[in-house]
């Protein structure tokens, strides 16, 4: 069920501490990382943590660089092939 029609189920909104009667909270960016709460849920990241995998790289930067924001080890590799990690 999605009482406010924002695309986030009531169950997810309850888990995240959002208001299931406020459609605007899906568009909010609770953790300030540049991704909306709805985009974070769709990506499988934590809307309350700007760095869901705690690797020191924000979810937004990881997604923009084709990294996995749920894999804390991918921030340690040489993802761009420049010889630097």
N, C-alpha and C. Protein backbone atom coordinates (compact mmCIF):
# COMPACT_ATOMS: atom_id res chain seq x y z
N UNK A 1 0.84 -1.18 0.00
CA UNK A 1 0.00 0.00 0.00
C UNK A 1 0.88 1.25 0.00
N UNK A 2 0.45 2.25 -0.72
CA UNK A 2 1.15 3.53 -0.80
C UNK A 2 0.11 4.63 -0.57
N UNK A 3 -0.12 4.94 0.68
CA UNK A 3 -1.21 5.85 1.06
C UNK A 3 -1.11 7.23 0.44
N UNK A 4 0.12 7.75 0.24
CA UNK A 4 0.25 9.10 -0.31
C UNK A 4 0.57 9.11 -1.80
N UNK A 5 0.68 7.94 -2.43
CA UNK A 5 0.88 7.87 -3.87
C UNK A 5 2.21 8.40 -4.36
N UNK A 6 3.24 8.37 -3.50
CA UNK A 6 4.54 8.93 -3.88
C UNK A 6 5.51 7.90 -4.45
N UNK A 7 5.08 6.66 -4.56
CA UNK A 7 5.95 5.62 -5.11
C UNK A 7 6.70 4.84 -4.06
N UNK A 8 6.63 5.28 -2.81
CA UNK A 8 7.24 4.54 -1.71
C UNK A 8 6.13 3.86 -0.92
N UNK A 9 6.29 2.58 -0.69
CA UNK A 9 5.25 1.86 0.05
C UNK A 9 5.18 2.38 1.49
N UNK A 10 4.02 2.21 2.10
CA UNK A 10 3.86 2.61 3.50
C UNK A 10 4.88 1.88 4.37
N UNK A 11 5.15 0.62 4.07
CA UNK A 11 6.11 -0.16 4.83
C UNK A 11 7.50 0.47 4.77
N UNK A 12 7.93 0.86 3.58
CA UNK A 12 9.25 1.50 3.41
C UNK A 12 9.27 2.84 4.14
N UNK A 13 8.21 3.62 4.00
CA UNK A 13 8.17 4.92 4.68
C UNK A 13 8.23 4.75 6.19
N UNK A 14 7.54 3.74 6.71
CA UNK A 14 7.61 3.47 8.16
C UNK A 14 9.04 3.10 8.57
N UNK A 15 9.70 2.24 7.78
CA UNK A 15 11.08 1.81 8.08
C UNK A 15 12.04 3.00 8.10
N UNK A 16 11.81 3.96 7.21
CA UNK A 16 12.72 5.10 7.08
C UNK A 16 12.32 6.28 7.95
N UNK A 17 11.22 6.16 8.65
CA UNK A 17 10.75 7.25 9.50
C UNK A 17 10.14 8.39 8.71
N UNK A 18 9.65 8.10 7.49
CA UNK A 18 9.00 9.12 6.67
C UNK A 18 7.52 9.15 6.97
N UNK A 19 6.83 10.13 6.43
CA UNK A 19 5.39 10.31 6.67
C UNK A 19 4.63 9.70 5.50
N UNK A 20 3.95 8.59 5.74
CA UNK A 20 3.24 7.90 4.66
C UNK A 20 2.01 8.65 4.16
N UNK A 21 1.75 9.83 4.75
CA UNK A 21 0.65 10.67 4.25
C UNK A 21 1.17 11.92 3.55
N UNK A 22 2.50 12.02 3.39
CA UNK A 22 3.12 13.19 2.76
C UNK A 22 3.84 12.75 1.48
N UNK A 23 3.27 13.06 0.35
CA UNK A 23 3.85 12.65 -0.94
C UNK A 23 5.17 13.34 -1.23
N UNK A 24 5.43 14.47 -0.60
CA UNK A 24 6.66 15.22 -0.87
C UNK A 24 7.92 14.58 -0.29
N UNK A 25 7.78 13.70 0.69
CA UNK A 25 8.98 13.14 1.31
C UNK A 25 9.73 12.19 0.39
N UNK A 26 9.09 11.68 -0.64
CA UNK A 26 9.79 10.83 -1.61
C UNK A 26 10.80 11.65 -2.41
N UNK A 27 10.50 12.92 -2.61
CA UNK A 27 11.39 13.80 -3.38
C UNK A 27 12.45 14.46 -2.51
N UNK A 28 12.30 14.36 -1.20
CA UNK A 28 13.27 14.95 -0.29
C UNK A 28 14.58 14.18 -0.32
N UNK A 29 15.63 14.81 0.14
CA UNK A 29 16.95 14.19 0.22
C UNK A 29 17.36 14.17 1.68
N UNK A 30 16.89 13.18 2.41
CA UNK A 30 17.07 13.11 3.85
C UNK A 30 18.54 13.16 4.27
N UNK A 31 19.42 12.47 3.53
CA UNK A 31 20.82 12.42 3.93
C UNK A 31 21.71 13.46 3.25
N UNK A 32 21.13 14.29 2.37
CA UNK A 32 21.87 15.38 1.77
C UNK A 32 22.93 14.99 0.76
N UNK A 33 22.79 13.81 0.14
CA UNK A 33 23.81 13.37 -0.82
C UNK A 33 23.46 13.67 -2.27
N UNK A 34 22.34 14.36 -2.48
CA UNK A 34 21.96 14.71 -3.85
C UNK A 34 20.99 13.74 -4.50
N UNK A 35 20.65 12.66 -3.82
CA UNK A 35 19.68 11.69 -4.34
C UNK A 35 18.40 11.80 -3.53
N UNK A 36 17.27 11.75 -4.22
CA UNK A 36 16.00 11.78 -3.49
C UNK A 36 15.81 10.47 -2.74
N UNK A 37 14.94 10.50 -1.76
CA UNK A 37 14.63 9.28 -1.01
C UNK A 37 14.13 8.18 -1.94
N UNK A 38 13.28 8.54 -2.91
CA UNK A 38 12.75 7.55 -3.85
C UNK A 38 13.86 6.96 -4.71
N UNK A 39 14.80 7.80 -5.18
CA UNK A 39 15.92 7.30 -5.98
C UNK A 39 16.80 6.37 -5.16
N UNK A 40 17.00 6.70 -3.89
CA UNK A 40 17.82 5.85 -3.03
C UNK A 40 17.16 4.49 -2.82
N UNK A 41 15.85 4.48 -2.58
CA UNK A 41 15.16 3.21 -2.41
C UNK A 41 15.27 2.38 -3.68
N UNK A 42 15.10 3.01 -4.84
CA UNK A 42 15.20 2.30 -6.12
C UNK A 42 16.61 1.75 -6.35
N UNK A 43 17.64 2.48 -5.88
CA UNK A 43 19.03 2.05 -6.06
C UNK A 43 19.48 1.04 -5.01
N UNK A 44 18.66 0.86 -3.98
CA UNK A 44 19.02 -0.06 -2.91
C UNK A 44 19.97 0.53 -1.89
N UNK A 45 20.06 1.87 -1.87
CA UNK A 45 20.91 2.54 -0.90
C UNK A 45 20.09 3.04 0.28
N UNK A 46 20.75 3.55 1.28
CA UNK A 46 20.09 4.00 2.50
C UNK A 46 19.82 5.50 2.42
N UNK A 47 18.55 5.89 2.33
CA UNK A 47 18.22 7.31 2.24
C UNK A 47 18.59 8.13 3.46
N UNK A 48 19.00 7.47 4.53
CA UNK A 48 19.38 8.19 5.75
C UNK A 48 20.90 8.24 5.95
N UNK A 49 21.65 7.73 4.95
CA UNK A 49 23.12 7.67 5.05
C UNK A 49 23.71 8.04 3.70
N UNK A 50 24.42 9.16 3.62
CA UNK A 50 24.97 9.64 2.35
C UNK A 50 26.00 8.68 1.75
N UNK A 51 26.56 7.81 2.57
CA UNK A 51 27.54 6.82 2.11
C UNK A 51 27.08 5.46 2.61
N UNK A 52 26.16 4.87 1.89
CA UNK A 52 25.50 3.64 2.35
C UNK A 52 26.45 2.49 2.65
N UNK A 53 27.56 2.40 1.92
CA UNK A 53 28.49 1.30 2.14
C UNK A 53 29.70 1.68 2.99
N UNK A 54 29.71 2.93 3.48
CA UNK A 54 30.74 3.41 4.41
C UNK A 54 32.18 3.25 3.88
N UNK A 55 32.36 3.52 2.58
CA UNK A 55 33.71 3.43 2.01
C UNK A 55 34.35 4.80 1.81
N UNK A 56 33.68 5.86 2.28
CA UNK A 56 34.23 7.20 2.16
C UNK A 56 33.85 7.92 0.89
N UNK A 57 33.05 7.27 0.04
CA UNK A 57 32.61 7.88 -1.22
C UNK A 57 31.08 7.93 -1.18
N UNK A 58 30.50 9.11 -1.41
CA UNK A 58 29.05 9.23 -1.30
C UNK A 58 28.34 8.39 -2.36
N UNK A 59 27.11 8.04 -2.06
CA UNK A 59 26.30 7.25 -2.98
C UNK A 59 26.21 7.92 -4.35
N UNK A 60 26.00 9.24 -4.36
CA UNK A 60 25.86 9.98 -5.60
C UNK A 60 27.12 9.88 -6.46
N UNK A 61 28.28 10.04 -5.85
CA UNK A 61 29.54 9.95 -6.59
C UNK A 61 29.75 8.54 -7.11
N UNK A 62 29.43 7.55 -6.29
CA UNK A 62 29.59 6.16 -6.75
C UNK A 62 28.71 5.87 -7.95
N UNK A 63 27.46 6.28 -7.91
CA UNK A 63 26.55 6.02 -9.04
C UNK A 63 27.03 6.77 -10.27
N UNK A 64 27.47 8.00 -10.12
CA UNK A 64 27.95 8.80 -11.26
C UNK A 64 29.19 8.19 -11.90
N UNK A 65 29.93 7.39 -11.13
CA UNK A 65 31.16 6.79 -11.63
C UNK A 65 31.04 5.28 -11.86
N UNK A 66 29.81 4.83 -12.04
CA UNK A 66 29.53 3.41 -12.31
C UNK A 66 30.11 2.47 -11.25
N UNK A 67 30.07 2.93 -10.01
CA UNK A 67 30.48 2.10 -8.88
C UNK A 67 29.23 1.59 -8.18
N UNK A 68 29.40 0.67 -7.27
CA UNK A 68 28.29 0.10 -6.53
C UNK A 68 28.20 0.76 -5.16
N UNK A 69 27.19 1.58 -4.91
CA UNK A 69 27.09 2.28 -3.63
C UNK A 69 26.73 1.37 -2.46
N UNK A 70 26.59 0.07 -2.73
CA UNK A 70 26.32 -0.88 -1.65
C UNK A 70 27.52 -1.81 -1.42
N UNK A 71 28.62 -1.59 -2.16
CA UNK A 71 29.81 -2.43 -2.03
C UNK A 71 30.96 -1.58 -1.47
N UNK A 72 31.29 -1.78 -0.22
CA UNK A 72 32.32 -0.99 0.43
C UNK A 72 33.73 -1.26 -0.06
N UNK A 73 33.92 -2.30 -0.86
CA UNK A 73 35.27 -2.61 -1.34
C UNK A 73 35.59 -1.96 -2.67
N UNK A 74 34.59 -1.51 -3.41
CA UNK A 74 34.88 -0.97 -4.75
C UNK A 74 35.56 0.38 -4.68
N UNK A 75 35.57 1.04 -3.57
CA UNK A 75 36.26 2.32 -3.43
C UNK A 75 37.75 2.17 -3.25
N UNK A 76 38.22 0.93 -3.11
CA UNK A 76 39.63 0.70 -2.90
C UNK A 76 40.38 0.36 -4.19
N UNK A 77 39.66 0.14 -5.28
CA UNK A 77 40.30 -0.26 -6.52
C UNK A 77 40.64 0.92 -7.41
N UNK A 78 41.30 0.63 -8.51
CA UNK A 78 41.65 1.63 -9.52
C UNK A 78 40.56 1.58 -10.60
N UNK A 79 39.45 2.22 -10.32
CA UNK A 79 38.28 2.11 -11.19
C UNK A 79 38.43 2.85 -12.51
N UNK A 80 39.34 3.81 -12.58
CA UNK A 80 39.50 4.55 -13.83
C UNK A 80 40.78 4.18 -14.59
N UNK A 81 41.53 3.23 -14.07
CA UNK A 81 42.71 2.72 -14.76
C UNK A 81 43.88 3.69 -14.81
N UNK A 82 43.93 4.64 -13.90
CA UNK A 82 45.02 5.63 -13.94
C UNK A 82 46.22 5.23 -13.07
N UNK A 83 46.16 4.05 -12.47
CA UNK A 83 47.25 3.58 -11.64
C UNK A 83 47.17 4.06 -10.19
N UNK A 84 46.18 4.85 -9.89
CA UNK A 84 45.99 5.35 -8.51
C UNK A 84 44.76 4.74 -7.89
N UNK A 85 44.82 4.51 -6.60
CA UNK A 85 43.63 3.99 -5.91
C UNK A 85 43.09 5.02 -4.96
